[in-house]
PDB file of N, CA and C in Angstrom:
ATOM      1  N   UNK A   1      10.464 -17.007 -17.039  1.00  0.00           N
ATOM      2  CA  UNK A   1       8.848 -17.292 -16.038  1.00  0.00           C
ATOM      3  C   UNK A   1       9.327 -18.999 -16.482  1.00  0.00           C
ATOM      4  N   UNK A   2       8.611 -19.674 -15.185  1.00  0.00           N
ATOM      5  CA  UNK A   2       8.639 -21.358 -15.464  1.00  0.00           C
ATOM      6  C   UNK A   2       7.965 -21.553 -16.732  1.00  0.00           C
ATOM      7  N   UNK A   3       7.760 -22.481 -16.558  1.00  0.00           N
ATOM      8  CA  UNK A   3       7.132 -23.448 -17.504  1.00  0.00           C
ATOM      9  C   UNK A   3       5.839 -23.194 -17.346  1.00  0.00           C
ATOM     10  N   UNK A   4       5.403 -23.931 -16.266  1.00  0.00           N
ATOM     11  CA  UNK A   4       3.963 -24.352 -15.479  1.00  0.00           C
ATOM     12  C   UNK A   4       3.847 -23.093 -13.985  1.00  0.00           C
ATOM     13  N   UNK A   5       3.825 -22.254 -14.295  1.00  0.00           N
ATOM     14  CA  UNK A   5       4.105 -21.973 -11.994  1.00  0.00           C
ATOM     15  C   UNK A   5       2.323 -22.517 -11.855  1.00  0.00           C
ATOM     16  N   UNK A   6       2.815 -22.493 -10.223  1.00  0.00           N
ATOM     17  CA  UNK A   6       1.301 -22.669  -9.535  1.00  0.00           C
ATOM     18  C   UNK A   6       0.569 -21.443  -9.674  1.00  0.00           C
ATOM     19  N   UNK A   7      -0.480 -21.705  -9.350  1.00  0.00           N
ATOM     20  CA  UNK A   7      -1.725 -19.958 -10.035  1.00  0.00           C
ATOM     21  C   UNK A   7      -2.664 -19.692  -8.371  1.00  0.00           C
ATOM     22  N   UNK A   8      -2.022 -19.234  -7.582  1.00  0.00           N
ATOM     23  CA  UNK A   8      -2.556 -18.679  -7.078  1.00  0.00           C
ATOM     24  C   UNK A   8      -3.839 -18.240  -7.047  1.00  0.00           C
ATOM     25  N   UNK A   9      -3.537 -16.612  -7.736  1.00  0.00           N
ATOM     26  CA  UNK A   9      -4.339 -15.386  -8.045  1.00  0.00           C
ATOM     27  C   UNK A   9      -5.426 -15.867  -9.630  1.00  0.00           C
ATOM     28  N   UNK A  10      -6.412 -15.507  -9.269  1.00  0.00           N
ATOM     29  CA  UNK A  10      -7.460 -16.062 -10.699  1.00  0.00           C
ATOM     30  C   UNK A  10      -7.099 -14.347 -11.405  1.00  0.00           C
ATOM     31  N   UNK A  11      -6.941 -14.978 -12.999  1.00  0.00           N
ATOM     32  CA  UNK A  11      -6.615 -13.570 -13.764  1.00  0.00           C
ATOM     33  C   UNK A  11      -7.856 -12.564 -14.632  1.00  0.00           C
ATOM     34  N   UNK A  12      -8.556 -13.227 -13.733  1.00  0.00           N
ATOM     35  CA  UNK A  12      -9.690 -12.043 -13.804  1.00  0.00           C
ATOM     36  C   UNK A  12      -9.643 -10.656 -12.679  1.00  0.00           C
ATOM     37  N   UNK A  13     -10.181 -11.108 -11.809  1.00  0.00           N
ATOM     38  CA  UNK A  13      -9.375  -9.754 -11.248  1.00  0.00           C
ATOM     39  C   UNK A  13      -7.828  -8.767 -11.468  1.00  0.00           C
ATOM     40  N   UNK A  14      -6.846  -9.805 -12.055  1.00  0.00           N
ATOM     41  CA  UNK A  14      -5.692  -9.162 -12.490  1.00  0.00           C
ATOM     42  C   UNK A  14      -6.152  -8.187 -13.728  1.00  0.00           C
ATOM     43  N   UNK A  15      -6.822  -8.907 -14.448  1.00  0.00           N
ATOM     44  CA  UNK A  15      -7.680  -7.965 -15.413  1.00  0.00           C
ATOM     45  C   UNK A  15      -8.267  -6.723 -15.161  1.00  0.00           C
ATOM     46  N   UNK A  16      -9.574  -6.512 -14.116  1.00  0.00           N
ATOM     47  CA  UNK A  16      -9.791  -5.862 -13.701  1.00  0.00           C
ATOM     48  C   UNK A  16      -9.078  -4.694 -13.077  1.00  0.00           C
ATOM     49  N   UNK A  17      -8.086  -5.368 -12.735  1.00  0.00           N
ATOM     50  CA  UNK A  17      -6.754  -4.144 -12.066  1.00  0.00           C
ATOM     51  C   UNK A  17      -5.650  -3.174 -13.085  1.00  0.00           C
ATOM     52  N   UNK A  18      -5.600  -4.086 -14.353  1.00  0.00           N
ATOM     53  CA  UNK A  18      -4.677  -3.387 -15.293  1.00  0.00           C
ATOM     54  C   UNK A  18      -5.821  -2.105 -15.917  1.00  0.00           C
ATOM     55  N   UNK A  19      -6.997  -3.084 -16.132  1.00  0.00           N
ATOM     56  CA  UNK A  19      -8.510  -1.880 -16.366  1.00  0.00           C
ATOM     57  C   UNK A  19      -8.506  -0.844 -15.924  1.00  0.00           C
ATOM     58  N   UNK A  20      -8.417  -1.005 -14.405  1.00  0.00           N
ATOM     59  CA  UNK A  20      -8.991   0.573 -13.640  1.00  0.00           C
ATOM     60  C   UNK A  20      -7.282   1.163 -13.134  1.00  0.00           C
ATOM     61  N   UNK A  21      -6.052   0.722 -14.027  1.00  0.00           N
ATOM     62  CA  UNK A  21      -4.616   1.687 -14.446  1.00  0.00           C
ATOM     63  C   UNK A  21      -4.707   2.289 -15.546  1.00  0.00           C
ATOM     64  N   UNK A  22      -5.907   2.198 -16.456  1.00  0.00           N
ATOM     65  CA  UNK A  22      -6.640   2.706 -17.320  1.00  0.00           C
ATOM     66  C   UNK A  22      -6.166   2.021 -18.545  1.00  0.00           C
ATOM     67  N   UNK A  23      -5.903   0.991 -18.686  1.00  0.00           N
ATOM     68  CA  UNK A  23      -5.500   0.161 -19.886  1.00  0.00           C
ATOM     69  C   UNK A  23      -7.206  -0.084 -20.934  1.00  0.00           C
ATOM     70  N   UNK A  24      -6.794   0.223 -22.253  1.00  0.00           N
ATOM     71  CA  UNK A  24      -8.374  -0.120 -23.241  1.00  0.00           C
ATOM     72  C   UNK A  24      -8.217  -1.318 -23.231  1.00  0.00           C
ATOM     73  N   UNK A  25      -7.082  -2.046 -23.598  1.00  0.00           N
ATOM     74  CA  UNK A  25      -7.186  -3.796 -23.574  1.00  0.00           C
ATOM     75  C   UNK A  25      -6.157  -4.099 -22.923  1.00  0.00           C
ATOM     76  N   UNK A  26      -6.294  -5.555 -23.106  1.00  0.00           N
ATOM     77  CA  UNK A  26      -5.088  -5.916 -21.732  1.00  0.00           C
ATOM     78  C   UNK A  26      -5.015  -7.768 -22.364  1.00  0.00           C
ATOM     79  N   UNK A  27      -4.010  -8.085 -23.314  1.00  0.00           N
ATOM     80  CA  UNK A  27      -3.115  -9.729 -23.117  1.00  0.00           C
ATOM     81  C   UNK A  27      -3.745  -9.942 -22.212  1.00  0.00           C
ATOM     82  N   UNK A  28      -3.976 -11.881 -22.528  1.00  0.00           N
ATOM     83  CA  UNK A  28      -3.621 -12.995 -21.343  1.00  0.00           C
ATOM     84  C   UNK A  28      -2.673 -13.022 -20.751  1.00  0.00           C
ATOM     85  N   UNK A  29      -1.045 -12.522 -22.206  1.00  0.00           N
ATOM     86  CA  UNK A  29       0.472 -12.372 -21.400  1.00  0.00           C
ATOM     87  C   UNK A  29       0.532 -12.095 -20.548  1.00  0.00           C
ATOM     88  N   UNK A  30      -0.194 -10.414 -20.640  1.00  0.00           N
ATOM     89  CA  UNK A  30       0.222  -9.401 -19.533  1.00  0.00           C
ATOM     90  C   UNK A  30      -0.928  -9.884 -18.344  1.00  0.00           C
ATOM     91  N   UNK A  31      -1.891  -9.939 -18.474  1.00  0.00           N
ATOM     92  CA  UNK A  31      -2.757 -11.150 -17.738  1.00  0.00           C
ATOM     93  C   UNK A  31      -1.514 -11.311 -16.460  1.00  0.00           C
ATOM     94  N   UNK A  32      -1.136 -12.674 -17.092  1.00  0.00           N
ATOM     95  CA  UNK A  32       0.037 -14.093 -16.373  1.00  0.00           C
ATOM     96  C   UNK A  32       0.923 -13.375 -16.111  1.00  0.00           C
ATOM     97  N   UNK A  33       1.524 -12.616 -16.907  1.00  0.00           N
ATOM     98  CA  UNK A  33       2.730 -12.366 -16.154  1.00  0.00           C
ATOM     99  C   UNK A  33       2.863 -11.330 -15.080  1.00  0.00           C
ATOM    100  N   UNK A  34       1.841 -10.496 -15.289  1.00  0.00           N
ATOM    101  CA  UNK A  34       1.448  -9.243 -13.312  1.00  0.00           C
ATOM    102  C   UNK A  34       1.436 -10.317 -12.675  1.00  0.00           C
ATOM    103  N   UNK A  35      -0.165 -11.618 -13.202  1.00  0.00           N
ATOM    104  CA  UNK A  35      -0.089 -12.403 -12.208  1.00  0.00           C
ATOM    105  C   UNK A  35       1.253 -13.398 -11.536  1.00  0.00           C
ATOM    106  N   UNK A  36       2.388 -13.430 -12.194  1.00  0.00           N
ATOM    107  CA  UNK A  36       3.247 -14.730 -11.894  1.00  0.00           C
ATOM    108  C   UNK A  36       4.282 -14.002 -10.914  1.00  0.00           C
ATOM    109  N   UNK A  37       4.193 -12.474 -10.954  1.00  0.00           N
ATOM    110  CA  UNK A  37       5.097 -11.154 -10.353  1.00  0.00           C
ATOM    111  C   UNK A  37       3.997 -10.791  -9.129  1.00  0.00           C
ATOM    112  N   UNK A  38       2.759 -10.907  -8.818  1.00  0.00           N
ATOM    113  CA  UNK A  38       2.117 -10.531  -7.288  1.00  0.00           C
ATOM    114  C   UNK A  38       2.409 -11.800  -6.773  1.00  0.00           C
ATOM    115  N   UNK A  39       2.344 -13.453  -7.361  1.00  0.00           N
ATOM    116  CA  UNK A  39       2.801 -14.284  -6.832  1.00  0.00           C
ATOM    117  C   UNK A  39       4.164 -14.249  -6.319  1.00  0.00           C
ATOM    118  N   UNK A  40       4.972 -14.081  -6.701  1.00  0.00           N
ATOM    119  CA  UNK A  40       6.338 -14.200  -6.575  1.00  0.00           C
ATOM    120  C   UNK A  40       6.501 -13.127  -5.224  1.00  0.00           C
ATOM    121  N   UNK A  41       5.915 -12.228  -5.470  1.00  0.00           N
ATOM    122  CA  UNK A  41       6.215 -10.983  -4.148  1.00  0.00           C
ATOM    123  C   UNK A  41       5.648 -11.002  -3.045  1.00  0.00           C
ATOM    124  N   UNK A  42       4.674 -11.439  -3.421  1.00  0.00           N
ATOM    125  CA  UNK A  42       3.403 -12.473  -2.360  1.00  0.00           C
ATOM    126  C   UNK A  42       4.098 -13.359  -1.721  1.00  0.00           C
ATOM    127  N   UNK A  43       5.092 -14.468  -2.281  1.00  0.00           N
ATOM    128  CA  UNK A  43       5.549 -15.583  -1.245  1.00  0.00           C
ATOM    129  C   UNK A  43       6.388 -14.783  -1.442  1.00  0.00           C
ATOM    130  N   UNK A  44       7.150 -14.362  -1.377  1.00  0.00           N
ATOM    131  CA  UNK A  44       8.259 -13.189  -0.297  1.00  0.00           C
ATOM    132  C   UNK A  44       8.222 -12.615   0.867  1.00  0.00           C
ATOM    133  N   UNK A  45       6.552 -12.000   0.533  1.00  0.00           N
ATOM    134  CA  UNK A  45       6.395 -11.101   1.561  1.00  0.00           C
ATOM    135  C   UNK A  45       5.992 -12.685   2.444  1.00  0.00           C
ATOM    136  N   UNK A  46       5.255 -13.077   2.556  1.00  0.00           N
ATOM    137  CA  UNK A  46       4.870 -14.451   3.646  1.00  0.00           C
ATOM    138  C   UNK A  46       6.077 -15.007   4.182  1.00  0.00           C
ATOM    139  N   UNK A  47       6.916 -15.762   3.077  1.00  0.00           N
ATOM    140  CA  UNK A  47       8.304 -15.898   3.587  1.00  0.00           C
ATOM    141  C   UNK A  47       8.295 -15.472   5.113  1.00  0.00           C
ATOM    142  N   UNK A  48       8.679 -13.887   4.577  1.00  0.00           N
ATOM    143  CA  UNK A  48       9.715 -12.920   5.604  1.00  0.00           C
ATOM    144  C   UNK A  48       8.587 -13.092   6.539  1.00  0.00           C
ATOM    145  N   UNK A  49       7.393 -12.838   6.557  1.00  0.00           N
ATOM    146  CA  UNK A  49       6.749 -12.447   7.930  1.00  0.00           C
ATOM    147  C   UNK A  49       6.387 -14.251   8.562  1.00  0.00           C
ATOM    148  N   UNK A  50       6.452 -15.130   8.092  1.00  0.00           N
ATOM    149  CA  UNK A  50       6.803 -16.389   8.762  1.00  0.00           C
ATOM    150  C   UNK A  50       7.645 -16.321   9.895  1.00  0.00           C
ATOM    151  N   UNK A  51       8.834 -15.494   9.464  1.00  0.00           N
ATOM    152  CA  UNK A  51      10.347 -15.830  10.092  1.00  0.00           C
ATOM    153  C   UNK A  51      10.418 -14.901  11.190  1.00  0.00           C
ATOM    154  N   UNK A  52       9.237 -14.029  10.332  1.00  0.00           N
ATOM    155  CA  UNK A  52       9.482 -12.908  11.682  1.00  0.00           C
ATOM    156  C   UNK A  52       8.368 -13.653  12.976  1.00  0.00           C
ATOM    157  N   UNK A  53       7.834 -14.150  12.850  1.00  0.00           N
ATOM    158  CA  UNK A  53       6.458 -14.280  13.160  1.00  0.00           C
ATOM    159  C   UNK A  53       7.261 -15.566  14.577  1.00  0.00           C
ATOM    160  N   UNK A  54       8.353 -16.332  13.553  1.00  0.00           N
ATOM    161  CA  UNK A  54       9.071 -17.491  14.134  1.00  0.00           C
ATOM    162  C   UNK A  54      10.093 -17.295  14.949  1.00  0.00           C
ATOM    163  N   UNK A  55      10.578 -15.644  14.325  1.00  0.00           N
ATOM    164  CA  UNK A  55      11.736 -15.748  15.764  1.00  0.00           C
ATOM    165  C   UNK A  55      11.281 -14.916  16.716  1.00  0.00           C
ATOM    166  N   UNK A  56       9.897 -14.067  16.759  1.00  0.00           N
ATOM    167  CA  UNK A  56       8.658 -13.570  18.093  1.00  0.00           C
ATOM    168  C   UNK A  56       8.509 -14.510  18.461  1.00  0.00           C
ATOM    169  N   UNK A  57       8.712 -15.863  18.650  1.00  0.00           N
ATOM    170  CA  UNK A  57       7.838 -17.743  19.190  1.00  0.00           C
ATOM    171  C   UNK A  57       6.731 -17.215  18.937  1.00  0.00           C
ATOM    172  N   UNK A  58       6.226 -16.684  17.959  1.00  0.00           N
ATOM    173  CA  UNK A  58       5.055 -17.411  17.476  1.00  0.00           C
ATOM    174  C   UNK A  58       4.654 -18.192  16.467  1.00  0.00           C
ATOM    175  N   UNK A  59       3.945 -18.748  16.513  1.00  0.00           N
ATOM    176  CA  UNK A  59       2.872 -19.084  15.584  1.00  0.00           C
ATOM    177  C   UNK A  59       2.181 -19.152  14.382  1.00  0.00           C
ATOM    178  N   UNK A  60       1.494 -17.768  15.150  1.00  0.00           N
ATOM    179  CA  UNK A  60       0.524 -17.116  14.283  1.00  0.00           C
ATOM    180  C   UNK A  60       1.284 -16.295  13.652  1.00  0.00           C
ATOM    181  N   UNK A  61       1.276 -15.684  11.926  1.00  0.00           N
ATOM    182  CA  UNK A  61       1.218 -14.432  11.205  1.00  0.00           C
ATOM    183  C   UNK A  61       0.124 -13.486  11.311  1.00  0.00           C
ATOM    184  N   UNK A  62       0.643 -12.629  11.747  1.00  0.00           N
ATOM    185  CA  UNK A  62       0.071 -11.198  11.913  1.00  0.00           C
ATOM    186  C   UNK A  62      -0.005  -9.782  11.373  1.00  0.00           C
ATOM    187  N   UNK A  63      -1.286  -9.194  11.061  1.00  0.00           N
ATOM    188  CA  UNK A  63      -1.077  -8.323  10.494  1.00  0.00           C
ATOM    189  C   UNK A  63       0.435  -7.437   9.734  1.00  0.00           C
ATOM    190  N   UNK A  64       0.490  -7.336  11.562  1.00  0.00           N
ATOM    191  CA  UNK A  64       1.804  -6.409  11.619  1.00  0.00           C
ATOM    192  C   UNK A  64       3.196  -7.221  11.405  1.00  0.00           C
ATOM    193  N   UNK A  65       2.868  -8.880  11.008  1.00  0.00           N
ATOM    194  CA  UNK A  65       3.949  -9.038  10.073  1.00  0.00           C
ATOM    195  C   UNK A  65       4.076  -9.007   8.773  1.00  0.00           C
ATOM    196  N   UNK A  66       2.852  -8.917   8.560  1.00  0.00           N
ATOM    197  CA  UNK A  66       3.010  -8.730   6.639  1.00  0.00           C
ATOM    198  C   UNK A  66       3.272  -7.174   6.248  1.00  0.00           C
ATOM    199  N   UNK A  67       2.813  -5.766   7.777  1.00  0.00           N
ATOM    200  CA  UNK A  67       3.511  -4.453   7.147  1.00  0.00           C
ATOM    201  C   UNK A  67       4.872  -4.354   7.134  1.00  0.00           C
ATOM    202  N   UNK A  68       5.765  -4.964   8.446  1.00  0.00           N
ATOM    203  CA  UNK A  68       7.540  -5.469   8.579  1.00  0.00           C
ATOM    204  C   UNK A  68       7.928  -5.717   7.776  1.00  0.00           C
ATOM    205  N   UNK A  69       7.175  -7.216   6.745  1.00  0.00           N
ATOM    206  CA  UNK A  69       7.893  -7.949   5.594  1.00  0.00           C
ATOM    207  C   UNK A  69       7.525  -6.751   4.664  1.00  0.00           C
ATOM    208  N   UNK A  70       6.737  -6.283   4.373  1.00  0.00           N
ATOM    209  CA  UNK A  70       6.446  -5.390   3.061  1.00  0.00           C
ATOM    210  C   UNK A  70       7.945  -4.013   3.438  1.00  0.00           C
ATOM    211  N   UNK A  71       7.498  -3.552   4.324  1.00  0.00           N
ATOM    212  CA  UNK A  71       8.677  -2.823   4.577  1.00  0.00           C
ATOM    213  C   UNK A  71      10.229  -3.247   4.888  1.00  0.00           C
ATOM    214  N   UNK A  72      10.016  -4.274   4.911  1.00  0.00           N
ATOM    215  CA  UNK A  72      12.590  -4.937   4.965  1.00  0.00           C
ATOM    216  C   UNK A  72      12.037  -5.063   3.579  1.00  0.00           C
ATOM    217  N   UNK A  73      11.101  -5.873   2.513  1.00  0.00           N
ATOM    218  CA  UNK A  73      12.155  -5.734   1.640  1.00  0.00           C
ATOM    219  C   UNK A  73      11.548  -5.156   0.380  1.00  0.00           C
ATOM    220  N   UNK A  74      10.768  -3.944   0.573  1.00  0.00           N
ATOM    221  CA  UNK A  74      11.126  -2.865  -0.058  1.00  0.00           C
ATOM    222  C   UNK A  74      11.846  -1.397   0.265  1.00  0.00           C
ATOM    223  N   UNK A  75      11.790  -1.095   2.000  1.00  0.00           N
ATOM    224  CA  UNK A  75      13.252  -0.419   2.249  1.00  0.00           C
ATOM    225  C   UNK A  75      12.622   0.698   2.934  1.00  0.00           C
ATOM    226  N   UNK A  76      11.502   0.507   2.991  1.00  0.00           N
ATOM    227  CA  UNK A  76      10.599   1.683   3.691  1.00  0.00           C
ATOM    228  C   UNK A  76      11.100   2.099   5.121  1.00  0.00           C
TER     229      UNK A  76
END
């Protein structure tokens, strides 16, 4: 993990998400690690979606671009 990643996602919602999944307690490291991986995956999806929009000669990324990018990355 990089020493000081750019943080896009606040940790409080990450904490609530882990709690909602059934955890009784959540360490700070767990929150940071999940946030890091969610940001990494989100950036990958965003880049793929931007490429799709550019390929279609559009400047605007649409919800369909995001859906297609997720499907392409996850292989669905």
